[in-house]
PDB file of N, CA and C in Angstrom:
ATOM      1  N   MET A   1       1.024  -1.211   0.192  1.00  0.00           N
ATOM      2  CA  MET A   1       0.169   0.064   0.508  1.00  0.00           C
ATOM      3  C   MET A   1       1.138   1.362   0.073  1.00  0.00           C
ATOM      4  N   GLY A   2       1.231   2.716  -0.789  1.00  0.00           N
ATOM      5  CA  GLY A   2       1.458   2.898  -0.983  1.00  0.00           C
ATOM      6  C   GLY A   2       0.879   4.678  -0.895  1.00  0.00           C
ATOM      7  N   LEU A   3       0.835   5.569  -1.163  1.00  0.00           N
ATOM      8  CA  LEU A   3       1.078   6.836  -0.343  1.00  0.00           C
ATOM      9  C   LEU A   3      -0.440   7.037  -1.836  1.00  0.00           C
ATOM     10  N   ALA A   4      -1.650   7.616  -1.420  1.00  0.00           N
ATOM     11  CA  ALA A   4      -2.156   8.837  -2.156  1.00  0.00           C
ATOM     12  C   ALA A   4      -1.411   9.242  -3.656  1.00  0.00           C
ATOM     13  N   LYS A   5      -1.504   9.082  -4.795  1.00  0.00           N
ATOM     14  CA  LYS A   5      -1.125  10.106  -5.341  1.00  0.00           C
ATOM     15  C   LYS A   5      -1.070  12.019  -5.034  1.00  0.00           C
ATOM     16  N   GLN A   6      -2.323  11.902  -4.714  1.00  0.00           N
ATOM     17  CA  GLN A   6      -1.872  13.436  -4.606  1.00  0.00           C
ATOM     18  C   GLN A   6      -1.311  13.727  -3.417  1.00  0.00           C
ATOM     19  N   VAL A   7      -1.799  13.153  -2.164  1.00  0.00           N
ATOM     20  CA  VAL A   7      -0.408  12.869  -0.996  1.00  0.00           C
ATOM     21  C   VAL A   7       1.088  12.971  -1.784  1.00  0.00           C
ATOM     22  N   LYS A   8       0.823  12.612  -2.485  1.00  0.00           N
ATOM     23  CA  LYS A   8       2.822  12.425  -2.938  1.00  0.00           C
ATOM     24  C   LYS A   8       3.221  13.501  -3.601  1.00  0.00           C
ATOM     25  N   THR A   9       2.491  14.005  -4.735  1.00  0.00           N
ATOM     26  CA  THR A   9       2.461  15.198  -5.408  1.00  0.00           C
ATOM     27  C   THR A   9       2.180  16.182  -4.385  1.00  0.00           C
ATOM     28  N   GLU A  10       2.011  16.200  -3.312  1.00  0.00           N
ATOM     29  CA  GLU A  10       2.503  17.424  -2.080  1.00  0.00           C
ATOM     30  C   GLU A  10       3.338  17.131  -1.745  1.00  0.00           C
ATOM     31  N   ILE A  11       3.850  16.523  -1.672  1.00  0.00           N
ATOM     32  CA  ILE A  11       5.566  15.835  -0.346  1.00  0.00           C
ATOM     33  C   ILE A  11       6.063  16.190  -2.098  1.00  0.00           C
ATOM     34  N   ILE A  12       5.945  15.505  -2.761  1.00  0.00           N
ATOM     35  CA  ILE A  12       6.878  16.215  -4.184  1.00  0.00           C
ATOM     36  C   ILE A  12       7.099  17.543  -4.358  1.00  0.00           C
ATOM     37  N   GLY A  13       6.200  18.760  -4.344  1.00  0.00           N
ATOM     38  CA  GLY A  13       5.902  19.428  -4.560  1.00  0.00           C
ATOM     39  C   GLY A  13       6.405  20.518  -3.062  1.00  0.00           C
ATOM     40  N   LYS A  14       6.655  20.068  -2.128  1.00  0.00           N
ATOM     41  CA  LYS A  14       7.169  21.162  -0.741  1.00  0.00           C
ATOM     42  C   LYS A  14       9.069  20.454  -1.225  1.00  0.00           C
ATOM     43  N   PHE A  15       9.365  19.405  -1.305  1.00  0.00           N
ATOM     44  CA  PHE A  15      11.261  18.699  -0.870  1.00  0.00           C
ATOM     45  C   PHE A  15      11.836  19.108  -2.158  1.00  0.00           C
ATOM     46  N   ARG A  16      10.797  19.398  -3.309  1.00  0.00           N
ATOM     47  CA  ARG A  16      11.418  19.387  -4.837  1.00  0.00           C
ATOM     48  C   ARG A  16      13.014  20.672  -4.680  1.00  0.00           C
ATOM     49  N   ARG A  17      13.777  20.355  -5.295  1.00  0.00           N
ATOM     50  CA  ARG A  17      14.436  21.188  -5.835  1.00  0.00           C
ATOM     51  C   ARG A  17      14.853  22.665  -7.221  1.00  0.00           C
ATOM     52  N   ASP A  18      13.653  21.511  -7.479  1.00  0.00           N
ATOM     53  CA  ASP A  18      13.322  22.579  -9.493  1.00  0.00           C
ATOM     54  C   ASP A  18      11.818  22.205 -10.412  1.00  0.00           C
ATOM     55  N   GLU A  19      11.640  22.379 -10.773  1.00  0.00           N
ATOM     56  CA  GLU A  19      10.560  22.198 -11.737  1.00  0.00           C
ATOM     57  C   GLU A  19      10.524  20.271 -11.943  1.00  0.00           C
ATOM     58  N   LYS A  20      10.911  20.225 -12.478  1.00  0.00           N
ATOM     59  CA  LYS A  20      11.417  18.481 -12.820  1.00  0.00           C
ATOM     60  C   LYS A  20      12.026  17.821 -11.376  1.00  0.00           C
ATOM     61  N   ASP A  21      12.435  17.854 -10.539  1.00  0.00           N
ATOM     62  CA  ASP A  21      12.575  16.893  -9.841  1.00  0.00           C
ATOM     63  C   ASP A  21      11.483  16.321  -8.977  1.00  0.00           C
ATOM     64  N   THR A  22      11.655  14.546  -9.004  1.00  0.00           N
ATOM     65  CA  THR A  22      11.622  13.986  -8.466  1.00  0.00           C
ATOM     66  C   THR A  22      11.947  13.179  -8.012  1.00  0.00           C
ATOM     67  N   GLY A  23      13.194  13.606  -8.053  1.00  0.00           N
ATOM     68  CA  GLY A  23      14.044  11.990  -7.313  1.00  0.00           C
ATOM     69  C   GLY A  23      14.958  12.028  -6.654  1.00  0.00           C
ATOM     70  N   SER A  24      15.042  12.984  -6.292  1.00  0.00           N
ATOM     71  CA  SER A  24      16.276  13.660  -5.424  1.00  0.00           C
ATOM     72  C   SER A  24      16.288  12.999  -3.927  1.00  0.00           C
ATOM     73  N   SER A  25      17.131  12.826  -3.358  1.00  0.00           N
ATOM     74  CA  SER A  25      16.986  12.158  -2.157  1.00  0.00           C
ATOM     75  C   SER A  25      16.158  13.457  -1.080  1.00  0.00           C
ATOM     76  N   GLU A  26      15.944  14.742  -1.307  1.00  0.00           N
ATOM     77  CA  GLU A  26      15.449  14.880  -0.221  1.00  0.00           C
ATOM     78  C   GLU A  26      14.208  14.839  -0.259  1.00  0.00           C
ATOM     79  N   VAL A  27      13.619  14.141  -0.868  1.00  0.00           N
ATOM     80  CA  VAL A  27      12.166  13.882  -2.091  1.00  0.00           C
ATOM     81  C   VAL A  27      12.139  11.977  -1.473  1.00  0.00           C
ATOM     82  N   GLN A  28      13.181  11.659  -2.277  1.00  0.00           N
ATOM     83  CA  GLN A  28      13.109  10.274  -1.965  1.00  0.00           C
ATOM     84  C   GLN A  28      12.946   9.954  -0.013  1.00  0.00           C
ATOM     85  N   ILE A  29      14.079  10.615   0.420  1.00  0.00           N
ATOM     86  CA  ILE A  29      13.444  11.180   1.883  1.00  0.00           C
ATOM     87  C   ILE A  29      12.327  10.989   2.740  1.00  0.00           C
ATOM     88  N   ALA A  30      11.121  12.026   1.722  1.00  0.00           N
ATOM     89  CA  ALA A  30      10.532  12.491   2.157  1.00  0.00           C
ATOM     90  C   ALA A  30       8.707  11.578   1.957  1.00  0.00           C
ATOM     91  N   ILE A  31       9.119  11.095   1.162  1.00  0.00           N
ATOM     92  CA  ILE A  31       8.196  10.083   0.858  1.00  0.00           C
ATOM     93  C   ILE A  31       7.932   8.968   1.367  1.00  0.00           C
ATOM     94  N   LEU A  32       9.650   8.994   2.383  1.00  0.00           N
ATOM     95  CA  LEU A  32       9.932   7.240   2.707  1.00  0.00           C
ATOM     96  C   LEU A  32       9.029   7.745   4.301  1.00  0.00           C
ATOM     97  N   SER A  33       8.983   8.864   4.367  1.00  0.00           N
ATOM     98  CA  SER A  33       8.567   9.511   5.248  1.00  0.00           C
ATOM     99  C   SER A  33       6.840   8.984   5.593  1.00  0.00           C
ATOM    100  N   GLY A  34       6.775   9.475   4.026  1.00  0.00           N
ATOM    101  CA  GLY A  34       4.996   9.498   4.753  1.00  0.00           C
ATOM    102  C   GLY A  34       4.760   8.228   4.439  1.00  0.00           C
ATOM    103  N   ARG A  35       5.237   7.796   3.671  1.00  0.00           N
ATOM    104  CA  ARG A  35       5.246   5.961   4.248  1.00  0.00           C
ATOM    105  C   ARG A  35       5.334   5.516   5.431  1.00  0.00           C
ATOM    106  N   ILE A  36       6.126   5.719   6.173  1.00  0.00           N
ATOM    107  CA  ILE A  36       6.520   5.077   7.407  1.00  0.00           C
ATOM    108  C   ILE A  36       5.350   5.583   8.170  1.00  0.00           C
ATOM    109  N   GLN A  37       4.893   6.985   8.381  1.00  0.00           N
ATOM    110  CA  GLN A  37       4.174   7.299   8.876  1.00  0.00           C
ATOM    111  C   GLN A  37       2.795   6.634   8.948  1.00  0.00           C
ATOM    112  N   GLN A  38       2.666   6.057   7.504  1.00  0.00           N
ATOM    113  CA  GLN A  38       1.374   4.955   7.241  1.00  0.00           C
ATOM    114  C   GLN A  38       1.433   4.044   7.742  1.00  0.00           C
ATOM    115  N   LEU A  39       2.311   3.315   7.934  1.00  0.00           N
ATOM    116  CA  LEU A  39       2.172   1.984   8.000  1.00  0.00           C
ATOM    117  C   LEU A  39       2.783   1.942   9.857  1.00  0.00           C
ATOM    118  N   SER A  40       3.407   2.993  10.262  1.00  0.00           N
ATOM    119  CA  SER A  40       2.754   3.005  11.901  1.00  0.00           C
ATOM    120  C   SER A  40       1.490   3.210  12.042  1.00  0.00           C
ATOM    121  N   LYS A  41       0.966   3.888  11.588  1.00  0.00           N
ATOM    122  CA  LYS A  41      -0.585   4.573  11.888  1.00  0.00           C
ATOM    123  C   LYS A  41      -1.246   2.678  11.850  1.00  0.00           C
ATOM    124  N   HIS A  42      -0.760   1.875  10.633  1.00  0.00           N
ATOM    125  CA  HIS A  42      -1.545   0.753  10.229  1.00  0.00           C
ATOM    126  C   HIS A  42      -1.243  -0.790  11.321  1.00  0.00           C
ATOM    127  N   PHE A  43      -0.149  -0.337  12.180  1.00  0.00           N
ATOM    128  CA  PHE A  43      -0.167  -1.167  13.082  1.00  0.00           C
ATOM    129  C   PHE A  43      -0.088  -0.724  14.421  1.00  0.00           C
ATOM    130  N   GLU A  44      -0.910  -0.273  14.572  1.00  0.00           N
ATOM    131  CA  GLU A  44      -1.835   1.092  16.430  1.00  0.00           C
ATOM    132  C   GLU A  44      -2.936  -0.577  15.506  1.00  0.00           C
ATOM    133  N   THR A  45      -3.949  -0.832  14.918  1.00  0.00           N
ATOM    134  CA  THR A  45      -4.722  -2.148  14.795  1.00  0.00           C
ATOM    135  C   THR A  45      -4.348  -2.738  14.093  1.00  0.00           C
ATOM    136  N   HIS A  46      -3.792  -2.791  13.699  1.00  0.00           N
ATOM    137  CA  HIS A  46      -2.933  -4.185  13.404  1.00  0.00           C
ATOM    138  C   HIS A  46      -1.096  -4.672  13.659  1.00  0.00           C
ATOM    139  N   LYS A  47      -1.871  -5.675  15.813  1.00  0.00           N
ATOM    140  CA  LYS A  47      -0.677  -5.224  16.019  1.00  0.00           C
ATOM    141  C   LYS A  47      -0.021  -7.323  15.686  1.00  0.00           C
ATOM    142  N   LYS A  48      -0.334  -7.513  14.987  1.00  0.00           N
ATOM    143  CA  LYS A  48       0.445  -8.910  14.622  1.00  0.00           C
ATOM    144  C   LYS A  48       0.893  -8.863  12.918  1.00  0.00           C
ATOM    145  N   ASP A  49       0.601  -7.824  12.033  1.00  0.00           N
ATOM    146  CA  ASP A  49       0.344  -7.943  10.538  1.00  0.00           C
ATOM    147  C   ASP A  49       2.809  -8.078  10.394  1.00  0.00           C
ATOM    148  N   ASN A  50       3.637  -9.021  10.498  1.00  0.00           N
ATOM    149  CA  ASN A  50       4.788  -8.533  10.233  1.00  0.00           C
ATOM    150  C   ASN A  50       4.788  -9.030   9.551  1.00  0.00           C
ATOM    151  N   HIS A  51       4.092  -9.620   8.402  1.00  0.00           N
ATOM    152  CA  HIS A  51       5.196  -8.851   6.726  1.00  0.00           C
ATOM    153  C   HIS A  51       5.211  -7.296   6.551  1.00  0.00           C
ATOM    154  N   SER A  52       3.809  -6.587   7.162  1.00  0.00           N
ATOM    155  CA  SER A  52       3.917  -5.082   6.875  1.00  0.00           C
ATOM    156  C   SER A  52       5.393  -4.502   7.984  1.00  0.00           C
ATOM    157  N   ARG A  53       5.094  -5.334   8.852  1.00  0.00           N
ATOM    158  CA  ARG A  53       6.783  -4.581   9.707  1.00  0.00           C
ATOM    159  C   ARG A  53       8.001  -4.361   8.878  1.00  0.00           C
ATOM    160  N   ARG A  54       7.967  -5.802   8.090  1.00  0.00           N
ATOM    161  CA  ARG A  54       9.556  -6.031   7.880  1.00  0.00           C
ATOM    162  C   ARG A  54       9.978  -5.142   6.923  1.00  0.00           C
ATOM    163  N   SER A  55       8.405  -4.635   6.226  1.00  0.00           N
ATOM    164  CA  SER A  55       8.643  -3.819   5.082  1.00  0.00           C
ATOM    165  C   SER A  55       8.321  -2.763   5.673  1.00  0.00           C
ATOM    166  N   LEU A  56       8.104  -1.824   7.031  1.00  0.00           N
ATOM    167  CA  LEU A  56       8.178  -0.713   7.555  1.00  0.00           C
ATOM    168  C   LEU A  56       9.828  -0.949   7.989  1.00  0.00           C
ATOM    169  N   LEU A  57      10.968  -1.871   8.674  1.00  0.00           N
ATOM    170  CA  LEU A  57      12.013  -1.880   8.759  1.00  0.00           C
ATOM    171  C   LEU A  57      12.547  -1.588   7.899  1.00  0.00           C
ATOM    172  N   MET A  58      12.297  -2.321   6.203  1.00  0.00           N
ATOM    173  CA  MET A  58      13.463  -1.961   4.965  1.00  0.00           C
ATOM    174  C   MET A  58      13.402  -0.036   5.245  1.00  0.00           C
ATOM    175  N   MET A  59      11.719   0.100   4.758  1.00  0.00           N
ATOM    176  CA  MET A  59      11.949   1.732   4.545  1.00  0.00           C
ATOM    177  C   MET A  59      12.548   2.295   5.536  1.00  0.00           C
ATOM    178  N   VAL A  60      12.401   2.282   6.534  1.00  0.00           N
ATOM    179  CA  VAL A  60      13.927   3.096   7.670  1.00  0.00           C
ATOM    180  C   VAL A  60      14.848   2.907   7.490  1.00  0.00           C
ATOM    181  N   ASN A  61      15.354   1.134   7.499  1.00  0.00           N
ATOM    182  CA  ASN A  61      16.899   2.233   6.714  1.00  0.00           C
ATOM    183  C   ASN A  61      17.242   2.161   5.287  1.00  0.00           C
ATOM    184  N   GLN A  62      15.823   2.444   4.403  1.00  0.00           N
ATOM    185  CA  GLN A  62      16.241   2.967   3.553  1.00  0.00           C
ATOM    186  C   GLN A  62      16.738   4.470   3.572  1.00  0.00           C
ATOM    187  N   ARG A  63      15.557   5.363   4.353  1.00  0.00           N
ATOM    188  CA  ARG A  63      15.878   5.811   4.852  1.00  0.00           C
ATOM    189  C   ARG A  63      16.927   6.681   5.538  1.00  0.00           C
ATOM    190  N   ARG A  64      17.218   5.788   6.040  1.00  0.00           N
ATOM    191  CA  ARG A  64      18.544   6.198   7.186  1.00  0.00           C
ATOM    192  C   ARG A  64      19.892   6.333   6.000  1.00  0.00           C
ATOM    193  N   ARG A  65      19.698   5.336   5.545  1.00  0.00           N
ATOM    194  CA  ARG A  65      20.848   5.342   3.854  1.00  0.00           C
ATOM    195  C   ARG A  65      20.954   6.561   3.070  1.00  0.00           C
ATOM    196  N   LEU A  66      19.506   6.787   3.200  1.00  0.00           N
ATOM    197  CA  LEU A  66      20.116   8.266   2.330  1.00  0.00           C
ATOM    198  C   LEU A  66      19.609   9.306   3.339  1.00  0.00           C
ATOM    199  N   LEU A  67      19.715   9.195   4.060  1.00  0.00           N
ATOM    200  CA  LEU A  67      19.706  10.372   5.413  1.00  0.00           C
ATOM    201  C   LEU A  67      21.442  10.663   5.641  1.00  0.00           C
ATOM    202  N   ASP A  68      21.922   9.650   5.780  1.00  0.00           N
ATOM    203  CA  ASP A  68      23.542   9.000   5.508  1.00  0.00           C
ATOM    204  C   ASP A  68      24.321  10.031   3.816  1.00  0.00           C
ATOM    205  N   TYR A  69      23.273   9.890   3.246  1.00  0.00           N
ATOM    206  CA  TYR A  69      23.939  10.590   1.830  1.00  0.00           C
ATOM    207  C   TYR A  69      24.676  11.692   1.951  1.00  0.00           C
ATOM    208  N   LEU A  70      22.879  12.144   2.362  1.00  0.00           N
ATOM    209  CA  LEU A  70      22.192  13.566   2.166  1.00  0.00           C
ATOM    210  C   LEU A  70      23.496  14.281   2.885  1.00  0.00           C
ATOM    211  N   LYS A  71      23.668  13.909   4.023  1.00  0.00           N
ATOM    212  CA  LYS A  71      24.402  14.393   5.019  1.00  0.00           C
ATOM    213  C   LYS A  71      25.943  14.807   4.505  1.00  0.00           C
ATOM    214  N   SER A  72      26.702  13.190   3.838  1.00  0.00           N
ATOM    215  CA  SER A  72      28.177  14.387   3.732  1.00  0.00           C
ATOM    216  C   SER A  72      27.952  14.872   2.371  1.00  0.00           C
ATOM    217  N   GLU A  73      27.140  14.689   1.979  1.00  0.00           N
ATOM    218  CA  GLU A  73      26.630  15.562   0.552  1.00  0.00           C
ATOM    219  C   GLU A  73      26.973  16.916   0.966  1.00  0.00           C
ATOM    220  N   SER A  74      25.680  17.276   1.219  1.00  0.00           N
ATOM    221  CA  SER A  74      24.908  18.606   1.897  1.00  0.00           C
ATOM    222  C   SER A  74      23.855  19.099   3.226  1.00  0.00           C
ATOM    223  N   PHE A  75      25.320  19.230   4.281  1.00  0.00           N
ATOM    224  CA  PHE A  75      24.617  19.128   5.608  1.00  0.00           C
ATOM    225  C   PHE A  75      23.281  20.399   5.772  1.00  0.00           C
ATOM    226  N   ASP A  76      24.084  21.180   4.791  1.00  0.00           N
ATOM    227  CA  ASP A  76      23.155  22.260   5.028  1.00  0.00           C
ATOM    228  C   ASP A  76      21.234  21.833   4.455  1.00  0.00           C
ATOM    229  N   ASP A  77      21.403  21.100   3.614  1.00  0.00           N
ATOM    230  CA  ASP A  77      20.043  20.640   3.077  1.00  0.00           C
ATOM    231  C   ASP A  77      19.503  18.965   3.627  1.00  0.00           C
ATOM    232  N   TYR A  78      20.196  18.596   4.344  1.00  0.00           N
ATOM    233  CA  TYR A  78      20.561  17.601   5.365  1.00  0.00           C
ATOM    234  C   TYR A  78      19.527  18.036   6.498  1.00  0.00           C
ATOM    235  N   LYS A  79      19.941  19.710   7.206  1.00  0.00           N
ATOM    236  CA  LYS A  79      19.624  20.306   8.217  1.00  0.00           C
ATOM    237  C   LYS A  79      18.065  20.087   8.102  1.00  0.00           C
ATOM    238  N   LYS A  80      17.638  20.999   6.925  1.00  0.00           N
ATOM    239  CA  LYS A  80      16.801  21.750   6.658  1.00  0.00           C
ATOM    240  C   LYS A  80      15.340  20.367   5.720  1.00  0.00           C
ATOM    241  N   THR A  81      15.951  19.416   5.709  1.00  0.00           N
ATOM    242  CA  THR A  81      14.885  18.267   5.479  1.00  0.00           C
ATOM    243  C   THR A  81      14.929  17.670   7.111  1.00  0.00           C
ATOM    244  N   ILE A  82      15.792  17.370   7.812  1.00  0.00           N
ATOM    245  CA  ILE A  82      15.357  16.704   9.291  1.00  0.00           C
ATOM    246  C   ILE A  82      14.157  17.953  10.107  1.00  0.00           C
ATOM    247  N   GLU A  83      14.773  18.935   9.867  1.00  0.00           N
ATOM    248  CA  GLU A  83      13.537  19.753  10.370  1.00  0.00           C
ATOM    249  C   GLU A  83      12.557  20.008   9.847  1.00  0.00           C
ATOM    250  N   ALA A  84      12.612  19.816   8.462  1.00  0.00           N
ATOM    251  CA  ALA A  84      10.969  20.304   7.723  1.00  0.00           C
ATOM    252  C   ALA A  84      10.211  18.733   8.143  1.00  0.00           C
ATOM    253  N   LEU A  85      10.890  17.587   8.405  1.00  0.00           N
ATOM    254  CA  LEU A  85       9.900  16.567   8.492  1.00  0.00           C
ATOM    255  C   LEU A  85      10.038  16.059   9.831  1.00  0.00           C
ATOM    256  N   GLY A  86      10.141  16.873  10.709  1.00  0.00           N
ATOM    257  CA  GLY A  86      11.011  15.885  12.244  1.00  0.00           C
ATOM    258  C   GLY A  86      10.907  15.189  12.749  1.00  0.00           C
ATOM    259  N   ILE A  87      12.028  14.683  12.230  1.00  0.00           N
ATOM    260  CA  ILE A  87      12.858  13.036  12.073  1.00  0.00           C
ATOM    261  C   ILE A  87      13.761  12.866  12.639  1.00  0.00           C
ATOM    262  N   ARG A  88      15.021  13.946  13.562  1.00  0.00           N
ATOM    263  CA  ARG A  88      15.342  14.470  14.467  1.00  0.00           C
ATOM    264  C   ARG A  88      15.373  14.724  15.295  1.00  0.00           C
ATOM    265  N   LYS A  89      16.393  15.113  16.318  1.00  0.00           N
ATOM    266  CA  LYS A  89      16.720  15.987  17.569  1.00  0.00           C
ATOM    267  C   LYS A  89      16.685  17.244  16.676  1.00  0.00           C
TER     268      LYS A  89
END
C-alpha cells in the first residue's frame, strides 16, 4: 500500500529542488517518511501484521541510508530536511 497520488504530489512539491525534480534525496526521504508514518498508524490496529512490519523496517533502513548520503553531500540540505520532517533532534 503506497501513498495516495495527491499526497505524494504534495510531498514532491514541497521538497523538490526545481520544477522537474522528483527523485532527489530530499524527495525520496520525504516520501519514505510519509509511508513510514502511514504504516505506523496501520500497526496500531493490526499488531500481528509481521509481513508489513518487515517492509517498515526496510523503509526505515533505506531512509537512514539516504539521510547519511545527504549529510555527507550537503549538510545544510540535511538540516533543512530533518527539520521540515521532524525526524531528528
